[in-house]
N, C-alpha and C. Protein backbone atom coordinates (compact mmCIF):
# COMPACT_ATOMS: atom_id res chain seq x y z
N MET A 1 22.78 37.12 11.97
CA MET A 1 21.87 36.27 12.64
C MET A 1 20.29 35.86 11.92
N LYS A 2 19.81 36.79 11.03
CA LYS A 2 19.07 36.52 10.30
C LYS A 2 19.32 35.05 9.52
N LYS A 3 20.76 35.75 8.43
CA LYS A 3 20.65 34.56 7.72
C LYS A 3 20.85 32.65 8.35
N LEU A 4 21.71 33.30 9.62
CA LEU A 4 21.32 31.59 10.62
C LEU A 4 19.91 31.44 10.78
N TYR A 5 19.09 31.92 10.24
CA TYR A 5 17.35 31.74 11.16
C TYR A 5 17.06 31.51 9.73
N ILE A 6 17.39 31.93 8.65
CA ILE A 6 17.03 31.32 7.44
C ILE A 6 17.75 29.63 7.49
N LEU A 7 18.97 30.00 7.59
CA LEU A 7 19.82 28.42 7.33
C LEU A 7 18.96 27.54 8.37
N PHE A 8 18.50 27.98 9.45
CA PHE A 8 17.56 26.85 10.70
C PHE A 8 16.12 26.64 10.25
N PHE A 9 15.31 27.43 9.32
CA PHE A 9 14.37 27.01 8.57
C PHE A 9 13.99 26.16 7.14
N LEU A 10 15.32 26.45 6.91
CA LEU A 10 15.42 25.43 6.32
C LEU A 10 15.63 24.09 6.07
N PHE A 11 16.53 23.52 7.47
CA PHE A 11 16.43 22.80 7.96
C PHE A 11 15.93 22.09 8.32
N PHE A 12 15.13 22.44 8.71
CA PHE A 12 13.85 22.11 9.66
C PHE A 12 12.97 22.01 9.41
N SER A 13 13.18 22.57 8.23
CA SER A 13 11.33 22.57 6.94
C SER A 13 12.17 21.03 6.35
N ILE A 14 13.08 20.70 5.87
CA ILE A 14 13.62 19.49 5.04
C ILE A 14 13.69 18.29 6.01
N SER A 15 14.20 18.27 7.11
CA SER A 15 13.87 16.95 8.29
C SER A 15 12.22 16.85 8.69
N THR A 16 11.58 17.85 8.99
CA THR A 16 10.12 17.07 9.28
C THR A 16 9.96 17.27 7.56
N TYR A 17 10.04 17.06 6.77
CA TYR A 17 9.23 16.97 5.85
C TYR A 17 9.53 14.87 5.40
N SER A 18 10.85 15.10 5.54
CA SER A 18 11.54 13.53 5.39
C SER A 18 10.94 12.73 6.43
N GLN A 19 10.12 13.11 7.67
CA GLN A 19 9.82 12.66 8.87
C GLN A 19 8.10 12.18 8.40
N ASN A 20 7.88 13.39 8.81
CA ASN A 20 6.38 13.90 7.40
C ASN A 20 5.87 12.67 6.49
N ASP A 21 7.00 12.37 5.51
CA ASP A 21 6.48 12.09 4.51
C ASP A 21 6.59 9.74 4.49
N ASN A 22 6.92 9.47 5.56
CA ASN A 22 6.95 8.16 5.73
C ASN A 22 5.78 7.94 6.64
N ILE A 23 5.33 8.83 7.41
CA ILE A 23 3.88 8.85 8.20
C ILE A 23 2.59 7.85 8.33
N HIS A 24 2.23 7.29 6.99
CA HIS A 24 1.45 6.11 6.66
C HIS A 24 1.56 5.05 6.59
N LEU A 25 3.10 5.04 6.38
CA LEU A 25 3.98 3.39 6.96
C LEU A 25 4.04 2.70 7.53
N ASN A 26 4.37 1.68 7.04
CA ASN A 26 4.14 0.42 8.41
C ASN A 26 5.76 0.74 8.68
N LEU A 27 5.92 1.25 9.79
CA LEU A 27 7.05 0.99 9.90
C LEU A 27 7.34 0.94 11.70
N ASN A 28 8.49 -0.44 12.09
CA ASN A 28 8.94 -0.30 12.91
C ASN A 28 9.65 1.09 13.94
N LYS A 29 10.12 0.70 15.05
CA LYS A 29 10.54 2.32 15.69
C LYS A 29 11.88 1.92 15.02
N LYS A 30 12.55 1.55 14.66
CA LYS A 30 13.52 2.37 14.22
C LYS A 30 13.34 2.61 11.80
N ASN A 31 12.65 3.05 12.27
CA ASN A 31 12.26 3.30 10.69
C ASN A 31 11.98 2.07 9.70
N ILE A 32 12.12 1.00 10.35
CA ILE A 32 12.82 -0.61 9.03
C ILE A 32 11.15 -0.78 8.68
N ALA A 33 11.12 -0.88 7.58
CA ALA A 33 10.02 -1.04 6.73
C ALA A 33 9.81 -3.23 6.55
N ILE A 34 8.48 -2.64 6.96
CA ILE A 34 7.90 -4.23 6.76
C ILE A 34 9.09 -5.19 7.57
N ASP A 35 9.26 -5.23 8.60
CA ASP A 35 9.74 -5.88 9.49
C ASP A 35 11.29 -5.88 8.91
N GLY A 36 11.64 -5.65 7.72
CA GLY A 36 12.97 -6.04 7.18
C GLY A 36 13.38 -6.90 6.16
N TYR A 37 11.65 -7.06 5.75
CA TYR A 37 10.89 -8.15 4.12
C TYR A 37 11.55 -7.58 3.19
N ASP A 38 12.54 -8.17 2.51
CA ASP A 38 12.93 -7.98 0.95
C ASP A 38 11.46 -7.98 0.56
N LEU A 39 11.44 -6.81 -0.08
CA LEU A 39 10.48 -6.54 -0.81
C LEU A 39 10.27 -6.77 -2.16
N VAL A 40 11.39 -6.93 -3.02
CA VAL A 40 11.99 -7.43 -4.49
C VAL A 40 11.32 -8.97 -4.13
N SER A 41 11.43 -9.68 -3.02
CA SER A 41 11.54 -11.00 -3.69
C SER A 41 10.11 -11.55 -3.57
N TYR A 42 9.09 -10.61 -3.13
CA TYR A 42 7.85 -10.76 -3.53
C TYR A 42 7.57 -11.54 -4.97
N PHE A 43 8.16 -10.40 -5.59
CA PHE A 43 7.70 -9.89 -7.16
C PHE A 43 8.87 -11.13 -7.91
N LYS A 44 10.36 -11.10 -7.47
CA LYS A 44 10.92 -11.86 -8.03
C LYS A 44 10.76 -13.71 -8.17
N LEU A 45 10.71 -12.94 -6.89
CA LEU A 45 11.10 -15.22 -6.18
C LEU A 45 9.20 -15.78 -6.18
N ASN A 46 8.11 -14.54 -6.00
CA ASN A 46 6.62 -15.25 -4.90
C ASN A 46 6.84 -15.63 -3.93
N ASP A 47 7.41 -14.72 -3.30
CA ASP A 47 8.18 -15.59 -1.33
C ASP A 47 8.43 -14.36 -1.14
N SER A 48 8.32 -14.95 0.48
CA SER A 48 8.68 -13.56 1.55
C SER A 48 10.38 -13.98 2.48
N LYS A 49 11.17 -13.68 1.54
CA LYS A 49 12.17 -12.82 2.44
C LYS A 49 12.88 -12.15 3.44
N THR A 50 13.22 -12.66 4.61
CA THR A 50 14.08 -11.62 5.38
C THR A 50 15.06 -11.09 4.61
N GLY A 51 15.18 -9.80 4.77
CA GLY A 51 16.30 -8.94 3.97
C GLY A 51 17.69 -8.78 4.84
N LYS A 52 18.25 -8.59 5.21
CA LYS A 52 20.12 -8.72 4.90
C LYS A 52 20.72 -7.62 6.11
N LYS A 53 21.13 -7.03 6.71
CA LYS A 53 21.58 -5.90 6.62
C LYS A 53 22.74 -5.23 6.29
N GLU A 54 23.61 -6.16 5.46
CA GLU A 54 24.61 -5.32 4.54
C GLU A 54 24.04 -5.25 3.34
N PHE A 55 22.61 -5.36 2.97
CA PHE A 55 22.25 -5.10 1.69
C PHE A 55 20.52 -3.92 2.47
N LYS A 56 20.99 -3.12 2.64
CA LYS A 56 20.12 -1.67 3.82
C LYS A 56 19.89 -0.49 2.18
N TYR A 57 18.91 -0.22 1.57
CA TYR A 57 18.61 0.95 1.16
C TYR A 57 18.09 1.83 1.86
N THR A 58 18.13 3.45 1.93
CA THR A 58 16.97 4.05 2.82
C THR A 58 15.99 5.01 1.47
N TYR A 59 14.76 4.87 1.45
CA TYR A 59 14.03 5.34 1.17
C TYR A 59 12.97 6.41 1.26
N GLN A 60 12.83 7.78 1.18
CA GLN A 60 11.94 8.65 1.72
C GLN A 60 12.18 8.31 3.34
N ALA A 61 13.28 7.96 3.66
CA ALA A 61 13.49 8.11 5.09
C ALA A 61 13.27 6.78 5.70
N ALA A 62 12.77 5.90 5.39
CA ALA A 62 12.33 4.20 5.59
C ALA A 62 13.44 3.68 5.25
N HIS A 63 13.68 2.79 6.31
CA HIS A 63 15.21 1.74 5.76
C HIS A 63 13.98 0.07 5.16
N TYR A 64 14.98 0.14 4.01
CA TYR A 64 14.44 -1.47 3.28
C TYR A 64 15.60 -1.81 3.48
N PHE A 65 15.33 -3.63 3.53
CA PHE A 65 16.92 -4.42 3.27
C PHE A 65 16.13 -6.14 2.30
N PHE A 66 16.67 -6.08 1.94
CA PHE A 66 17.00 -6.79 0.68
C PHE A 66 17.82 -8.27 0.76
N SER A 67 17.73 -9.10 0.31
CA SER A 67 18.15 -10.38 0.71
C SER A 67 19.76 -10.75 -0.42
N SER A 68 19.39 -9.53 -1.39
CA SER A 68 20.84 -9.52 -2.29
C SER A 68 21.00 -8.11 -3.03
N GLU A 69 22.48 -8.44 -3.37
CA GLU A 69 22.59 -7.07 -4.12
C GLU A 69 22.02 -7.14 -5.67
N SER A 70 21.32 -7.89 -6.09
CA SER A 70 20.93 -7.09 -6.92
C SER A 70 19.37 -6.93 -6.90
N HIS A 71 18.91 -7.57 -5.96
CA HIS A 71 17.27 -7.56 -4.97
C HIS A 71 17.43 -5.81 -5.06
N MET A 72 18.58 -5.73 -3.98
CA MET A 72 18.57 -3.71 -3.53
C MET A 72 18.96 -2.74 -5.07
N GLN A 73 19.61 -3.35 -6.27
CA GLN A 73 19.39 -2.57 -7.32
C GLN A 73 17.96 -2.41 -7.53
N SER A 74 17.53 -2.99 -8.02
CA SER A 74 16.45 -3.37 -8.93
C SER A 74 15.41 -2.12 -7.87
N PHE A 75 15.24 -2.59 -6.30
CA PHE A 75 14.22 -1.46 -6.33
C PHE A 75 14.89 0.40 -6.67
N LYS A 76 16.73 0.32 -5.60
CA LYS A 76 17.07 1.53 -6.51
C LYS A 76 16.64 2.01 -7.52
N ILE A 77 16.27 1.03 -8.89
CA ILE A 77 16.05 1.96 -10.39
C ILE A 77 15.11 2.20 -10.24
N ASN A 78 13.65 1.54 -9.46
CA ASN A 78 12.15 2.34 -9.52
C ASN A 78 11.72 1.74 -7.82
N PRO A 79 11.77 1.76 -6.95
CA PRO A 79 11.10 1.59 -6.26
C PRO A 79 9.94 1.53 -6.15
N LYS A 80 9.22 2.46 -6.74
CA LYS A 80 7.34 2.42 -6.52
C LYS A 80 6.65 1.21 -7.00
N LYS A 81 7.76 0.73 -7.81
CA LYS A 81 7.14 -0.75 -8.72
C LYS A 81 7.03 -1.75 -7.65
N TYR A 82 7.79 -1.37 -6.64
CA TYR A 82 7.83 -2.47 -5.41
C TYR A 82 6.98 -2.54 -3.71
N LEU A 83 7.02 -1.04 -4.30
CA LEU A 83 6.34 -0.49 -2.37
C LEU A 83 4.41 -1.10 -2.49
N PRO A 84 4.53 -1.84 -1.27
CA PRO A 84 3.31 -1.95 -1.14
C PRO A 84 2.01 -1.22 -1.06
N LYS A 85 0.89 -1.76 -1.04
CA LYS A 85 -0.51 -1.12 -1.22
C LYS A 85 -0.72 -0.62 -0.14
N PHE A 86 -1.20 0.38 0.64
CA PHE A 86 -1.24 1.52 1.88
C PHE A 86 -0.64 1.01 2.63
N GLY A 87 0.63 1.27 2.29
CA GLY A 87 1.46 1.82 3.30
C GLY A 87 1.93 0.56 3.75
N GLY A 88 1.21 -0.32 3.67
CA GLY A 88 2.16 -1.88 3.82
C GLY A 88 1.21 -2.21 4.85
N TRP A 89 0.39 -1.62 5.48
CA TRP A 89 -0.49 -2.23 5.62
C TRP A 89 -1.83 -3.03 5.96
N CYS A 90 -2.33 -3.65 6.53
CA CYS A 90 -3.13 -5.13 6.06
C CYS A 90 -4.51 -4.26 4.73
N ALA A 91 -4.31 -5.23 3.63
CA ALA A 91 -5.13 -4.46 3.09
C ALA A 91 -6.90 -4.97 3.90
N PHE A 92 -6.53 -5.80 4.00
CA PHE A 92 -8.23 -6.39 4.39
C PHE A 92 -8.78 -5.18 5.12
N SER A 93 -7.77 -5.36 6.46
CA SER A 93 -8.11 -3.71 7.78
C SER A 93 -8.64 -2.61 7.07
N MET A 94 -7.73 -2.85 6.07
CA MET A 94 -7.99 -1.05 5.01
C MET A 94 -9.34 -0.96 4.88
N ALA A 95 -9.80 -1.56 4.21
CA ALA A 95 -10.73 -2.32 3.33
C ALA A 95 -12.19 -1.98 4.06
N LYS A 96 -11.63 -2.88 5.20
CA LYS A 96 -13.07 -3.30 6.13
C LYS A 96 -13.86 -1.45 6.77
N ASP A 97 -12.52 -1.34 8.04
CA ASP A 97 -12.32 -0.19 8.94
C ASP A 97 -11.34 0.99 8.38
N GLY A 98 -10.86 1.05 7.34
CA GLY A 98 -10.07 2.11 7.61
C GLY A 98 -9.37 2.64 8.54
N LYS A 99 -8.62 1.11 9.11
CA LYS A 99 -7.29 1.56 9.91
C LYS A 99 -6.69 0.43 9.63
N LYS A 100 -5.06 0.95 9.98
CA LYS A 100 -4.02 0.70 9.99
C LYS A 100 -3.62 -0.62 10.84
N GLU A 101 -3.30 -1.54 10.69
CA GLU A 101 -3.03 -3.07 10.62
C GLU A 101 -2.37 -3.58 10.98
N ARG A 102 -1.01 -3.94 11.78
CA ARG A 102 0.19 -4.98 11.61
C ARG A 102 -0.17 -5.90 10.15
N VAL A 103 0.94 -6.38 9.50
CA VAL A 103 0.94 -7.21 9.06
C VAL A 103 2.35 -8.75 9.01
N ASP A 104 1.43 -10.21 8.51
CA ASP A 104 2.75 -10.86 8.80
C ASP A 104 3.62 -10.46 7.22
N PRO A 105 4.39 -10.41 7.37
CA PRO A 105 5.20 -9.86 5.91
C PRO A 105 4.77 -11.36 4.62
N LYS A 106 4.44 -12.94 5.90
CA LYS A 106 4.55 -14.30 4.91
C LYS A 106 3.00 -13.89 4.73
N SER A 107 2.36 -13.27 4.49
CA SER A 107 0.70 -13.20 4.01
C SER A 107 0.54 -12.18 2.94
N PHE A 108 1.20 -12.17 1.62
CA PHE A 108 0.77 -11.68 1.03
C PHE A 108 -0.04 -12.69 -0.46
N LEU A 109 -0.50 -11.14 -1.54
CA LEU A 109 -0.18 -11.44 -3.04
C LEU A 109 -0.36 -10.25 -3.70
N ILE A 110 -0.10 -10.80 -4.29
CA ILE A 110 0.81 -9.95 -6.44
C ILE A 110 -0.54 -10.23 -7.36
N ILE A 111 -1.09 -8.52 -6.81
CA ILE A 111 -2.07 -8.58 -8.03
C ILE A 111 -2.26 -7.43 -8.68
N ASP A 112 -1.91 -6.82 -10.20
CA ASP A 112 -2.41 -6.35 -11.55
C ASP A 112 -0.69 -5.80 -11.15
N GLY A 113 0.53 -6.67 -10.79
CA GLY A 113 1.67 -6.13 -10.44
C GLY A 113 1.93 -4.81 -9.49
N GLU A 114 0.87 -5.25 -8.54
CA GLU A 114 0.84 -4.32 -6.81
C GLU A 114 1.07 -5.45 -5.24
N LEU A 115 1.83 -4.99 -4.85
CA LEU A 115 1.94 -6.22 -3.43
C LEU A 115 0.56 -5.78 -2.41
N TYR A 116 -0.14 -6.51 -2.10
CA TYR A 116 -0.63 -6.15 -0.70
C TYR A 116 -0.85 -7.36 0.48
N LEU A 117 -0.85 -6.94 1.83
CA LEU A 117 0.06 -7.54 2.68
C LEU A 117 -1.24 -7.30 3.14
N PHE A 118 -1.06 -9.00 4.59
CA PHE A 118 -2.41 -9.36 5.53
C PHE A 118 -1.97 -9.20 6.74
N TYR A 119 -2.87 -9.56 7.54
CA TYR A 119 -2.74 -9.35 9.18
C TYR A 119 -2.74 -11.14 9.40
N GLU A 120 -2.83 -12.35 9.48
CA GLU A 120 -2.45 -13.44 10.09
C GLU A 120 -1.55 -13.79 11.43
N TYR A 121 -2.49 -13.90 12.25
CA TYR A 121 -2.02 -14.56 13.66
C TYR A 121 -3.43 -14.95 14.09
N TYR A 122 -3.21 -16.76 15.17
CA TYR A 122 -3.88 -17.07 15.21
C TYR A 122 -5.55 -17.35 14.74
N PHE A 123 -5.33 -18.46 13.76
CA PHE A 123 -6.33 -18.33 13.73
C PHE A 123 -7.07 -17.32 12.07
N LYS A 124 -6.48 -16.00 12.39
CA LYS A 124 -7.35 -15.02 11.50
C LYS A 124 -6.76 -14.53 10.19
N ASP A 125 -7.04 -15.12 9.35
CA ASP A 125 -6.57 -14.92 7.52
C ASP A 125 -7.10 -13.98 7.02
N LYS A 126 -6.57 -12.68 7.40
CA LYS A 126 -7.49 -12.17 6.58
C LYS A 126 -6.77 -11.74 4.95
N ARG A 127 -6.18 -12.44 4.36
CA ARG A 127 -6.10 -13.08 3.01
C ARG A 127 -7.06 -13.58 2.40
N GLU A 128 -7.23 -15.02 3.19
CA GLU A 128 -8.30 -15.32 2.68
C GLU A 128 -10.04 -14.65 2.35
N LYS A 129 -9.72 -13.97 3.59
CA LYS A 129 -10.81 -13.49 3.40
C LYS A 129 -11.13 -12.33 2.17
N TRP A 130 -10.05 -11.54 1.87
CA TRP A 130 -9.36 -10.51 0.83
C TRP A 130 -9.80 -11.43 -0.34
N LEU A 131 -9.52 -12.67 -0.55
CA LEU A 131 -10.05 -13.54 -1.83
C LEU A 131 -11.43 -14.00 -1.87
N GLU A 132 -11.83 -13.51 -1.04
CA GLU A 132 -13.71 -13.95 -0.81
C GLU A 132 -14.45 -13.07 -2.02
N SER A 133 -13.89 -12.30 -1.60
CA SER A 133 -14.71 -10.54 -2.71
C SER A 133 -14.09 -9.23 -2.68
N LYS A 134 -12.44 -10.12 -3.31
CA LYS A 134 -11.45 -8.74 -3.67
C LYS A 134 -11.67 -7.33 -4.31
N SER A 135 -12.60 -7.40 -5.14
CA SER A 135 -12.90 -6.57 -6.06
C SER A 135 -13.88 -5.36 -5.42
N ASP A 136 -14.23 -5.48 -5.10
CA ASP A 136 -15.26 -4.44 -3.48
C ASP A 136 -14.46 -4.90 -3.03
N LEU A 137 -13.53 -5.43 -1.79
CA LEU A 137 -12.62 -5.10 -0.82
C LEU A 137 -11.73 -4.03 -1.41
N THR A 138 -11.45 -4.31 -2.51
CA THR A 138 -9.62 -3.29 -3.17
C THR A 138 -10.64 -1.71 -3.20
N LYS A 139 -11.69 -1.46 -3.55
CA LYS A 139 -12.40 0.03 -3.81
C LYS A 139 -12.10 0.54 -2.65
N GLN A 140 -12.98 -0.09 -1.54
CA GLN A 140 -12.94 0.46 -0.30
C GLN A 140 -12.07 0.08 0.56
N ALA A 141 -11.32 -0.14 0.01
CA ALA A 141 -9.76 -0.31 0.23
C ALA A 141 -8.49 0.70 0.06
N GLU A 142 -8.70 1.26 -1.15
CA GLU A 142 -8.58 2.24 -2.16
C GLU A 142 -9.58 3.63 -1.65
N GLN A 143 -10.78 3.90 -1.02
CA GLN A 143 -11.22 5.19 -0.45
C GLN A 143 -11.03 5.73 0.52
N ASN A 144 -10.86 4.21 1.77
CA ASN A 144 -10.19 4.36 3.06
C ASN A 144 -8.95 4.98 2.86
N TRP A 145 -7.99 4.36 2.57
CA TRP A 145 -6.96 5.43 2.24
C TRP A 145 -6.67 6.46 2.01
N LYS A 146 -7.49 6.66 1.06
CA LYS A 146 -7.26 8.12 0.62
C LYS A 146 -7.53 8.87 1.98
N LYS A 147 -8.93 8.71 2.15
CA LYS A 147 -9.11 9.24 3.82
C LYS A 147 -7.98 10.11 4.83
N ILE A 148 -7.40 8.37 4.82
CA ILE A 148 -6.11 8.44 5.77
C ILE A 148 -4.69 9.64 5.67
N THR A 149 -4.40 9.30 4.09
CA THR A 149 -3.81 10.38 3.44
C THR A 149 -3.62 11.29 2.49
N ASN A 150 -4.88 11.41 3.60
CA ASN A 150 -5.00 13.37 2.19
C ASN A 150 -5.44 14.01 3.59
């Protein structure tokens, strides 16, 4: 009985860790990151491309989709290179009030080799506001993100 309890505890700890590991990521109810957009396409094509079901890869309990086999392989080799800043939440909102705000995956910037995503709906383009004072906003977003994730 003691062995069974230990096995149950280990299983529960591992599964809880996996779920909590992505608690701050921008995922939908099916644990799909960034609405299924191909993270590698932002870097290699400077474009947002929708991923395909046949090119799905799970990393730290989050599901990522890619537009091609080669993009999926690039991600597998070095996932951290392609992961968006601030868990994939709107960088501008993170800077302004430290809130996790959904993004439009088509509104993005690559800055110093990192992916920043932004909210852009109904005449509210936060990417443009970010560009007005990105150095100050970057520092503030980093500080707010640390408060959320620690």
